[in-house]
Amino acid sequence: MITEILIKLFKKLNTCMPWTDENGNYTDENGFWVGRNGGASGILPICPKTKRLCLGFRSNMVYEGECWGVFGGAIQNGMNARQSAAQELQEETGYRGSLELIPSYVFHYGKFSYQNFLGIVPHEFRFHPEMDAAWENYRIKWFTLNEFVERISQNAAEFHFGVIALAANNIGQIEKVIKPLVLSSGSSPHEVEFFKNYK
């Protein structure tokens, strides 16, 4: 159900025509940016120590920009989804520390697939993107789970549809990594139920 809703939203927003760059990466007939392998991958960083997750505010120079998203892109030539996602995180944020990747929600549409990973980090990192990737995000932000859920439920347009799909399909997995869940004042457990009932 959630996939159908997101596909309708994507089709409504999508105005791109298929094209290929000099490296063989391309957009498919639905406008999804994919690598030679026909897919993409990304990471949602989570710091269990602080119980927060990290998103990047995508620049207006990327497709589906000016919203919060995970760090990732087309699967790079010669890499698998896991390796490529880790490389994208390093390029887009500058983070080079310890990283444990947990496979999460995979978005499928036609031949396209986007493999999400939860990226467990030992500490929160700052935003120091590599020069070649500095244009992709304006900034990063570390969210508590409650803040993340509240903001999406109040203003979904502030988030990339892929983040909404990840949360809608795997909020329980994200919650387990962040546990124990500490509710902010004025919050209640039913807000986390928002995604569980969104499907």
Protein backbone atom coordinates (compact mmCIF):
# COMPACT_ATOMS: atom_id res chain seq x y z
CA MET A 1 0.00 0.00 0.00
CA ILE A 2 2.72 2.49 0.99
CA THR A 3 4.68 1.69 -2.18
CA GLU A 4 1.61 2.43 -4.32
CA ILE A 5 1.09 5.78 -2.57
CA LEU A 6 4.74 6.73 -2.98
CA ILE A 7 4.78 5.74 -6.65
CA LYS A 8 1.74 7.93 -7.30
CA LEU A 9 3.47 10.80 -5.50
CA PHE A 10 6.70 10.20 -7.41
CA LYS A 11 4.94 10.10 -10.78
CA LYS A 12 3.15 13.34 -9.95
CA LEU A 13 6.43 15.06 -9.05
CA ASN A 14 8.59 13.43 -11.71
CA THR A 15 9.28 15.53 -14.77
CA CYS A 16 12.64 14.02 -15.84
CA MET A 17 13.24 12.30 -19.15
CA PRO A 18 15.57 9.27 -19.32
CA TRP A 19 19.22 10.14 -20.04
CA THR A 20 22.71 8.68 -19.68
CA ASP A 21 25.91 10.36 -18.47
CA GLU A 22 29.48 9.76 -19.67
CA ASN A 23 30.02 7.02 -17.03
CA GLY A 24 27.10 4.86 -18.11
CA ASN A 25 24.84 5.95 -15.25
CA TYR A 26 21.34 6.78 -16.34
CA THR A 27 17.79 7.58 -15.39
CA ASP A 28 15.35 4.83 -16.24
CA GLU A 29 12.02 5.26 -17.99
CA ASN A 30 10.48 6.33 -14.68
CA GLY A 31 13.12 8.99 -13.99
CA PHE A 32 14.99 7.07 -11.26
CA TRP A 33 18.72 7.85 -11.16
CA VAL A 34 20.53 4.52 -11.34
CA GLY A 35 24.03 3.19 -11.87
CA ARG A 36 25.20 0.67 -14.43
CA ASN A 37 23.86 -2.02 -12.13
CA GLY A 38 20.33 -0.60 -12.38
CA GLY A 39 20.09 0.42 -8.76
CA ALA A 40 21.13 2.68 -5.95
CA SER A 41 21.86 2.41 -2.24
CA GLY A 42 22.09 4.65 0.79
CA ILE A 43 22.62 4.88 4.53
CA LEU A 44 20.59 6.24 7.42
CA PRO A 45 23.27 6.87 10.10
CA ILE A 46 22.21 6.05 13.67
CA CYS A 47 24.16 6.76 16.86
CA PRO A 48 22.81 4.47 19.63
CA LYS A 49 24.93 6.33 22.20
CA THR A 50 22.91 9.54 21.70
CA LYS A 51 19.78 7.76 20.40
CA ARG A 52 19.67 9.97 17.32
CA LEU A 53 19.64 9.46 13.55
CA CYS A 54 21.19 11.67 10.88
CA LEU A 55 19.75 13.07 7.67
CA GLY A 56 21.19 15.42 5.07
CA PHE A 57 19.29 18.42 3.73
CA ARG A 58 19.61 17.85 0.00
CA SER A 59 20.67 20.80 -2.13
CA ASN A 60 18.62 22.20 -4.98
CA MET A 61 21.28 20.85 -7.37
CA VAL A 62 20.24 17.21 -6.86
CA TYR A 63 17.12 15.48 -8.12
CA GLU A 64 14.35 15.69 -5.51
CA GLY A 65 16.32 18.32 -3.61
CA GLU A 66 15.49 20.79 -0.85
CA CYS A 67 14.34 18.09 1.57
CA TRP A 68 15.80 15.76 4.20
CA GLY A 69 17.20 12.48 2.88
CA VAL A 70 19.58 9.61 3.51
CA PHE A 71 23.12 9.60 2.10
CA GLY A 72 23.53 7.56 -1.07
CA GLY A 73 23.30 7.36 -4.82
CA ALA A 74 23.66 5.12 -7.84
CA ILE A 75 25.67 1.97 -7.15
CA GLN A 76 29.18 2.81 -8.25
CA ASN A 77 30.92 0.77 -10.92
CA GLY A 78 32.82 -2.18 -9.45
CA MET A 79 31.07 -1.97 -6.07
CA ASN A 80 28.16 -3.76 -4.47
CA ALA A 81 25.28 -1.91 -2.79
CA ARG A 82 26.94 -2.00 0.66
CA GLN A 83 30.33 -0.73 -0.55
CA SER A 84 28.78 1.98 -2.68
CA ALA A 85 26.54 3.24 0.14
CA ALA A 86 29.53 3.45 2.52
CA GLN A 87 31.51 5.36 -0.13
CA GLU A 88 28.60 7.79 -0.67
CA LEU A 89 28.32 8.43 3.09
CA GLN A 90 32.03 9.21 3.26
CA GLU A 91 31.90 11.54 0.24
CA GLU A 92 28.72 13.36 1.27
CA THR A 93 29.54 13.84 4.97
CA GLY A 94 33.29 13.34 5.33
CA TYR A 95 32.75 10.65 7.98
CA ARG A 96 35.54 8.03 7.91
CA GLY A 97 35.01 6.28 11.24
CA SER A 98 33.63 2.92 12.29
CA LEU A 99 30.44 1.89 10.49
CA GLU A 100 28.25 -1.18 10.97
CA LEU A 101 25.74 -1.62 8.17
CA ILE A 102 22.41 -3.35 8.74
CA PRO A 103 20.35 -4.11 5.61
CA SER A 104 16.97 -2.40 5.76
CA TYR A 105 14.07 -1.55 3.44
CA VAL A 106 14.58 -2.12 -0.30
CA PHE A 107 12.43 0.06 -2.55
CA HIS A 108 11.53 -1.63 -5.86
CA TYR A 109 9.91 -0.09 -8.90
CA GLY A 110 10.22 -1.76 -12.29
CA LYS A 111 13.90 -2.61 -12.83
CA PHE A 112 15.00 -0.05 -10.25
CA SER A 113 15.83 -0.90 -6.64
CA TYR A 114 17.15 1.23 -3.78
CA GLN A 115 18.83 -0.69 -0.95
CA ASN A 116 18.70 1.16 2.36
CA PHE A 117 21.10 0.40 5.18
CA LEU A 118 21.01 1.52 8.80
CA GLY A 119 24.55 2.70 9.52
CA ILE A 120 25.52 2.30 13.17
CA VAL A 121 28.19 4.81 14.22
CA PRO A 122 29.90 5.08 17.65
CA HIS A 123 29.48 8.86 17.86
CA GLU A 124 27.74 11.68 16.05
CA PHE A 125 29.85 13.23 13.32
CA ARG A 126 29.98 16.72 11.86
CA PHE A 127 29.40 17.79 8.27
CA HIS A 128 32.68 17.92 6.33
CA PRO A 129 31.83 16.69 2.82
CA GLU A 130 34.56 15.88 0.33
CA MET A 131 35.11 18.65 -2.22
CA ASP A 132 33.62 16.70 -5.12
CA ALA A 133 30.40 16.02 -3.16
CA ALA A 134 30.01 19.34 -1.31
CA TRP A 135 27.21 20.39 -3.67
CA GLU A 136 24.91 17.46 -2.78
CA ASN A 137 23.75 18.53 0.71
CA TYR A 138 23.50 21.90 2.44
CA ARG A 139 23.81 20.50 5.96
CA ILE A 140 23.12 17.52 8.21
CA LYS A 141 20.97 17.21 11.30
CA TRP A 142 20.79 14.62 14.07
CA PHE A 143 17.15 13.86 14.99
CA THR A 144 15.70 12.00 17.94
CA LEU A 145 13.29 9.31 16.78
CA ASN A 146 10.35 11.27 18.19
CA GLU A 147 11.41 14.47 16.43
CA PHE A 148 11.81 12.54 13.18
CA VAL A 149 8.35 10.94 13.46
CA GLU A 150 6.66 14.17 14.58
CA ARG A 151 8.15 16.23 11.74
CA ILE A 152 7.22 13.71 9.06
CA SER A 153 3.69 13.37 10.43
CA GLN A 154 3.30 17.17 10.51
CA ASN A 155 5.03 18.03 7.21
CA ALA A 156 5.89 15.07 4.98
CA ALA A 157 6.94 17.41 2.14
CA GLU A 158 10.00 18.30 4.22
CA PHE A 159 11.34 14.76 3.63
CA HIS A 160 12.43 12.83 0.53
CA PHE A 161 9.84 10.21 -0.38
CA GLY A 162 12.51 7.52 0.07
CA VAL A 163 12.96 8.48 3.73
CA ILE A 164 9.21 8.26 4.23
CA ALA A 165 9.18 4.82 2.57
CA LEU A 166 12.08 3.64 4.75
CA ALA A 167 10.34 4.84 7.91
CA ALA A 168 6.93 3.54 6.87
CA ASN A 169 8.28 0.07 6.13
CA ASN A 170 10.99 -0.29 8.78
CA ILE A 171 10.25 2.06 11.71
CA GLY A 172 10.32 -0.96 14.04
CA GLN A 173 13.86 -1.84 12.94
CA ILE A 174 15.00 1.78 13.40
CA GLU A 175 13.33 1.87 16.81
CA LYS A 176 15.15 -1.30 17.94
CA VAL A 177 18.54 0.20 17.06
CA ILE A 178 17.77 3.45 18.90
CA LYS A 179 16.11 1.82 21.97
CA PRO A 180 15.42 2.46 24.69
CA LEU A 181 13.07 5.05 23.25
CA VAL A 182 12.92 8.16 25.42
CA LEU A 183 9.84 10.22 24.66
CA SER A 184 10.18 13.98 24.60
CA SER A 185 7.81 15.97 26.80
CA GLY A 186 4.40 16.19 25.23
CA SER A 187 5.06 13.12 23.06
CA SER A 188 3.28 9.81 23.31
CA PRO A 189 3.98 6.30 21.99
CA HIS A 190 1.15 6.59 19.46
CA GLU A 191 3.34 8.92 17.38
CA VAL A 192 5.70 6.04 16.62
CA GLU A 193 2.59 4.04 15.67
CA PHE A 194 2.01 6.59 12.86
CA PHE A 195 4.31 4.66 10.52
CA LYS A 196 3.20 1.25 11.68
CA ASN A 197 -0.36 2.19 10.64
CA TYR A 198 0.71 4.15 7.52
CA LYS A 199 1.05 1.07 5.30
